[in-house]
Amino acid sequence: MPLSLLSLNFAIICELETAFVVSEAGKKFSITFKNDLLDIRLAADLYIDGVRTHNGFLKAGRQRQVLGIRKTVSSVLPFKFQELELVDPDVENAPVDDVVVPEMGTIEIRTFRCRTVRTAQYHNRGHRLHQGRVSKRSNKAGWHHVSTADEIPTSRYKYATDLLTYLDPRDAPYASVKVFYRPRELLVDQGVIAGHDVGAGNGNPGGSEVNDRKRAREGGSPGPSKRAKEEMSALSQQIQALQAELNSIMAEQSRLRKALEITT
């Protein structure tokens, strides 16, 4: 795997294509990733909740840390998890940002092989995040989104950027890592983590209260709620689609490598 996601929320995550992490409302975090290749430079695009928030350049063997959204040359707004706000879409002029709801709850890094053309003056592109307001019909009750905390000082940013020539198509990344973040209760509902991992006093997030009472009478164990089943099904379809996309990319990479061997 040519790309490692070294840390998210200050914890080691993975060297795989997908992973799950627990989000906590109000908790700040940074994102660190690394180019594990020894001789290939990578351009990296960071997507949060489906919105491209950063793009950068990684030399071979180098890593990069993203603290948040840059405010000035010497300060940033740190990333933090925040509860998603549900809005009634029938209310006139309701400010709902539903454009990227299918990607809500995801952090993705897409990388592309590239060549540096030249260094140029950097211009702040006004990177943004999802506004965190979605329709009540989006089936996202209890979810989080990524927002920003209060401004903090950083070392002065170098206002220069590298102009790149991409060697991979923008719709076919060379390598990518995608993290699904959810509140702990939702991950339990979806069967991603065990229910006993939830702290005492959180109730039983594994199923609805009515269904649990019914199963208790029947001598059965609590199971997932209807909402949990729907979310598990949607998540499973997402993962299958990602796996199919990954298989296609790997096949294309293999074809390109064989073509290069023939030409050389």
Protein backbone atom coordinates (compact mmCIF):
# COMPACT_ATOMS: atom_id res chain seq x y z
CA MET A 1 0.00 0.00 0.00
CA PRO A 2 1.68 3.26 -1.07
CA LEU A 3 -0.25 5.48 1.36
CA SER A 4 -0.54 5.37 5.16
CA LEU A 5 -3.03 7.28 7.27
CA LEU A 6 -0.83 7.62 10.32
CA SER A 7 -3.16 9.31 12.74
CA LEU A 8 -6.65 10.64 13.17
CA ASN A 9 -7.85 11.95 16.51
CA PHE A 10 -4.30 11.29 17.78
CA ALA A 11 -4.57 7.51 17.39
CA ILE A 12 -2.95 5.08 14.95
CA ILE A 13 -5.53 4.05 12.39
CA CYS A 14 -4.54 1.95 9.41
CA GLU A 15 -2.54 1.11 6.34
CA LEU A 16 -5.67 -0.16 4.61
CA GLU A 17 -8.15 1.28 2.14
CA THR A 18 -10.96 1.76 4.68
CA ALA A 19 -11.31 2.11 8.45
CA PHE A 20 -13.81 3.11 11.14
CA VAL A 21 -13.23 5.51 14.04
CA VAL A 22 -15.34 6.72 16.95
CA SER A 23 -16.24 10.42 16.88
CA GLU A 24 -17.01 12.48 19.99
CA ALA A 25 -18.85 15.80 19.75
CA GLY A 26 -16.54 18.68 20.62
CA LYS A 27 -13.33 16.68 20.33
CA LYS A 28 -10.58 18.30 18.25
CA PHE A 29 -8.32 16.26 15.98
CA SER A 30 -5.68 16.51 13.28
CA ILE A 31 -4.98 14.31 10.26
CA THR A 32 -1.52 12.97 9.41
CA PHE A 33 -0.72 10.91 6.32
CA LYS A 34 2.44 9.68 4.65
CA ASN A 35 3.76 8.81 1.20
CA ASP A 36 5.28 5.34 1.71
CA LEU A 37 6.79 5.18 -1.77
CA LEU A 38 10.56 5.54 -2.11
CA ASP A 39 10.79 7.16 -5.52
CA ILE A 40 7.38 8.57 -6.48
CA ARG A 41 5.92 11.96 -5.60
CA LEU A 42 2.23 12.14 -4.77
CA ALA A 43 -0.32 14.92 -5.01
CA ALA A 44 -2.90 14.53 -2.23
CA ASP A 45 -6.52 15.71 -2.04
CA LEU A 46 -8.28 15.66 1.34
CA TYR A 47 -12.07 15.26 1.34
CA ILE A 48 -14.11 15.73 4.52
CA ASP A 49 -17.84 14.91 4.41
CA GLY A 50 -17.56 14.86 0.62
CA VAL A 51 -16.07 18.36 0.34
CA ARG A 52 -12.50 18.81 -0.91
CA THR A 53 -10.88 20.86 1.84
CA HIS A 54 -7.14 20.61 1.10
CA ASN A 55 -4.75 19.65 -1.65
CA GLY A 56 -1.01 19.30 -1.31
CA PHE A 57 2.17 17.61 -2.43
CA LEU A 58 4.09 14.76 -0.78
CA LYS A 59 7.66 13.90 -1.68
CA ALA A 60 8.68 10.24 -1.45
CA GLY A 61 8.84 9.05 2.15
CA ARG A 62 7.48 12.33 3.55
CA GLN A 63 4.41 12.91 5.69
CA ARG A 64 2.01 15.80 6.17
CA GLN A 65 -0.16 16.93 9.06
CA VAL A 66 -3.37 18.90 8.54
CA LEU A 67 -4.48 20.71 11.70
CA GLY A 68 -7.62 22.34 10.31
CA ILE A 69 -8.78 25.13 8.01
CA ARG A 70 -6.19 27.87 7.58
CA LYS A 71 -7.42 31.26 8.75
CA THR A 72 -4.31 33.42 8.25
CA VAL A 73 -0.64 32.86 7.40
CA SER A 74 -0.01 32.16 11.10
CA SER A 75 -3.23 30.61 12.42
CA VAL A 76 -5.72 27.81 11.75
CA LEU A 77 -9.21 26.75 12.83
CA PRO A 78 -8.71 23.22 14.23
CA PHE A 79 -10.92 20.34 13.12
CA LYS A 80 -13.49 19.09 15.61
CA PHE A 81 -16.45 16.72 15.55
CA GLN A 82 -19.87 18.30 16.02
CA GLU A 83 -23.45 17.06 16.13
CA LEU A 84 -25.26 17.24 12.80
CA GLU A 85 -28.21 19.65 12.72
CA LEU A 86 -31.42 18.32 11.16
CA VAL A 87 -33.61 20.89 9.41
CA ASP A 88 -37.22 20.66 8.22
CA PRO A 89 -36.98 20.90 4.39
CA ASP A 90 -40.61 22.07 4.19
CA VAL A 91 -39.80 25.31 5.98
CA GLU A 92 -39.28 28.08 3.43
CA ASN A 93 -35.64 29.06 2.89
CA ALA A 94 -34.44 26.39 5.30
CA PRO A 95 -30.60 26.49 5.04
CA VAL A 96 -29.95 22.85 4.21
CA ASP A 97 -26.66 21.62 2.76
CA ASP A 98 -27.65 18.26 1.27
CA VAL A 99 -25.28 18.26 -1.68
CA VAL A 100 -22.87 15.71 -0.21
CA VAL A 101 -25.07 13.87 2.31
CA PRO A 102 -24.08 10.44 0.88
CA GLU A 103 -20.48 11.19 1.94
CA MET A 104 -21.40 12.56 5.37
CA GLY A 105 -19.31 10.93 8.09
CA THR A 106 -16.26 10.27 5.89
CA ILE A 107 -12.68 11.50 5.70
CA GLU A 108 -10.87 10.51 2.51
CA ILE A 109 -7.38 11.07 1.14
CA ARG A 110 -6.93 10.56 -2.62
CA THR A 111 -3.42 10.59 -4.06
CA PHE A 112 -2.07 10.86 -7.59
CA ARG A 113 1.39 10.37 -9.02
CA CYS A 114 2.73 13.66 -10.28
CA ARG A 115 5.68 15.72 -11.50
CA THR A 116 6.58 19.17 -10.22
CA VAL A 117 6.55 21.82 -12.94
CA ARG A 118 7.58 24.87 -10.94
CA THR A 119 6.99 26.71 -7.70
CA ALA A 120 4.60 29.66 -7.75
CA GLN A 121 2.98 32.17 -5.42
CA TYR A 122 0.42 30.55 -3.13
CA HIS A 123 -3.11 31.93 -2.98
CA ASN A 124 -5.55 31.01 -0.22
CA ARG A 125 -8.36 29.15 -1.99
CA GLY A 126 -10.89 29.70 0.77
CA HIS A 127 -11.22 26.04 1.73
CA ARG A 128 -14.46 25.21 3.49
CA LEU A 129 -16.27 22.40 5.29
CA HIS A 130 -19.80 21.04 5.08
CA GLN A 131 -22.13 23.40 6.98
CA GLY A 132 -23.58 20.58 9.07
CA ARG A 133 -27.26 21.24 8.32
CA VAL A 134 -29.17 18.47 6.53
CA SER A 135 -32.77 17.47 5.96
CA LYS A 136 -34.64 15.50 8.61
CA ARG A 137 -35.40 13.08 5.77
CA SER A 138 -31.71 12.28 5.30
CA ASN A 139 -31.78 9.47 7.91
CA LYS A 140 -28.79 11.03 9.67
CA ALA A 141 -30.21 11.47 13.19
CA GLY A 142 -27.45 11.15 15.78
CA TRP A 143 -24.62 11.61 13.28
CA HIS A 144 -21.69 13.99 13.52
CA HIS A 145 -19.96 16.21 10.97
CA VAL A 146 -16.55 17.89 10.96
CA SER A 147 -16.57 21.53 12.02
CA THR A 148 -13.90 23.91 13.34
CA ALA A 149 -12.90 25.07 16.81
CA ASP A 150 -11.55 28.45 17.89
CA GLU A 151 -8.56 29.88 16.04
CA ILE A 152 -5.10 28.83 17.26
CA PRO A 153 -1.64 30.17 16.31
CA THR A 154 0.72 28.12 14.14
CA SER A 155 4.13 28.57 12.60
CA ARG A 156 4.03 31.03 9.73
CA TYR A 157 2.80 29.41 6.54
CA LYS A 158 5.09 29.42 3.53
CA TYR A 159 3.10 31.22 0.86
CA ALA A 160 4.37 29.21 -2.08
CA THR A 161 2.94 26.24 -3.88
CA ASP A 162 4.08 23.61 -6.36
CA LEU A 163 2.46 23.53 -9.80
CA LEU A 164 2.03 19.88 -10.72
CA THR A 165 1.45 17.68 -13.74
CA TYR A 166 -0.79 14.77 -12.77
CA LEU A 167 0.21 11.35 -14.11
CA ASP A 168 -3.04 9.69 -12.96
CA PRO A 169 -6.57 10.76 -13.99
CA ARG A 170 -8.38 12.79 -11.33
CA ASP A 171 -11.21 10.24 -11.36
CA ALA A 172 -8.79 7.31 -10.86
CA PRO A 173 -6.49 7.97 -7.86
CA TYR A 174 -3.26 6.02 -7.59
CA ALA A 175 -4.06 5.23 -3.94
CA SER A 176 -6.65 6.34 -1.40
CA VAL A 177 -7.67 5.83 2.21
CA LYS A 178 -11.24 6.37 3.42
CA VAL A 179 -12.26 6.62 7.07
CA PHE A 180 -15.86 6.33 8.23
CA TYR A 181 -16.40 8.17 11.52
CA ARG A 182 -19.50 7.71 13.66
CA PRO A 183 -20.60 8.25 17.27
CA ARG A 184 -19.91 5.13 19.33
CA GLU A 185 -23.62 4.30 19.64
CA LEU A 186 -24.06 4.21 15.85
CA LEU A 187 -21.02 1.99 15.38
CA VAL A 188 -22.53 -0.42 17.91
CA ASP A 189 -25.88 -0.29 16.09
CA GLN A 190 -24.12 -1.04 12.80
CA GLY A 191 -22.24 -3.97 14.30
CA VAL A 192 -18.82 -2.40 13.72
CA ILE A 193 -17.82 -2.50 17.40
CA ALA A 194 -19.09 -4.64 20.26
CA GLY A 195 -21.77 -3.29 22.58
CA HIS A 196 -19.67 -3.92 25.69
CA ASP A 197 -17.23 -1.28 24.42
CA VAL A 198 -19.80 1.39 25.29
CA GLY A 199 -19.36 2.95 28.73
CA ALA A 200 -21.82 2.29 31.55
CA GLY A 201 -24.89 4.50 31.61
CA ASN A 202 -25.25 4.72 27.82
CA GLY A 203 -28.16 2.29 27.76
CA ASN A 204 -28.39 -0.37 25.09
CA PRO A 205 -27.54 1.10 21.68
CA GLY A 206 -27.83 -2.30 20.01
CA GLY A 207 -31.59 -2.14 19.45
CA SER A 208 -34.81 -0.29 20.17
CA GLU A 209 -36.38 -0.44 23.64
CA VAL A 210 -39.64 -1.95 22.35
CA ASN A 211 -37.89 -4.67 20.37
CA ASP A 212 -35.60 -5.48 23.29
CA ARG A 213 -38.58 -5.99 25.63
CA LYS A 214 -40.22 -8.23 23.04
CA ARG A 215 -37.06 -10.33 22.64
CA ALA A 216 -36.71 -10.56 26.41
CA ARG A 217 -40.20 -12.09 26.63
CA GLU A 218 -39.31 -14.52 23.86
CA GLY A 219 -36.01 -15.41 25.45
CA GLY A 220 -33.97 -13.86 22.63
CA SER A 221 -31.07 -11.44 22.78
CA PRO A 222 -31.38 -7.76 21.79
CA GLY A 223 -30.75 -7.13 18.12
CA PRO A 224 -30.26 -4.11 15.91
CA SER A 225 -33.08 -1.59 15.49
CA LYS A 226 -34.81 -0.91 12.17
CA ARG A 227 -32.80 2.29 11.76
CA ALA A 228 -29.59 0.40 12.47
CA LYS A 229 -30.46 -2.24 9.86
CA GLU A 230 -31.15 0.45 7.25
CA GLU A 231 -27.86 2.21 8.02
CA MET A 232 -25.94 -1.09 7.99
CA SER A 233 -27.42 -1.90 4.58
CA ALA A 234 -26.51 1.53 3.19
CA LEU A 235 -23.01 1.29 4.64
CA SER A 236 -22.55 -2.20 3.22
CA GLN A 237 -23.51 -0.95 -0.23
CA GLN A 238 -21.03 1.92 0.11
CA ILE A 239 -18.24 -0.47 1.05
CA GLN A 240 -19.08 -2.81 -1.85
CA ALA A 241 -19.00 0.12 -4.27
CA LEU A 242 -15.64 1.26 -2.88
CA GLN A 243 -14.24 -2.26 -3.19
CA ALA A 244 -15.40 -2.50 -6.81
CA GLU A 245 -13.81 0.88 -7.53
CA LEU A 246 -10.58 -0.23 -5.87
CA ASN A 247 -10.50 -3.48 -7.89
CA SER A 248 -10.95 -1.48 -11.09
CA ILE A 249 -8.12 0.90 -10.15
CA MET A 250 -5.78 -1.98 -9.27
CA ALA A 251 -6.56 -3.69 -12.57
CA GLU A 252 -5.80 -0.49 -14.47
CA GLN A 253 -2.54 -0.05 -12.54
CA SER A 254 -1.53 -3.60 -13.43
CA ARG A 255 -2.32 -2.94 -17.09
CA LEU A 256 -0.25 0.26 -17.08
CA ARG A 257 2.72 -1.45 -15.42
CA LYS A 258 2.66 -4.21 -18.03
CA ALA A 259 2.47 -1.61 -20.79
CA LEU A 260 5.49 0.20 -19.33
CA GLU A 261 7.45 -3.07 -19.17
CA ILE A 262 6.71 -3.71 -22.84
CA THR A 263 7.76 -0.23 -23.96
CA THR A 264 11.00 -0.32 -21.98
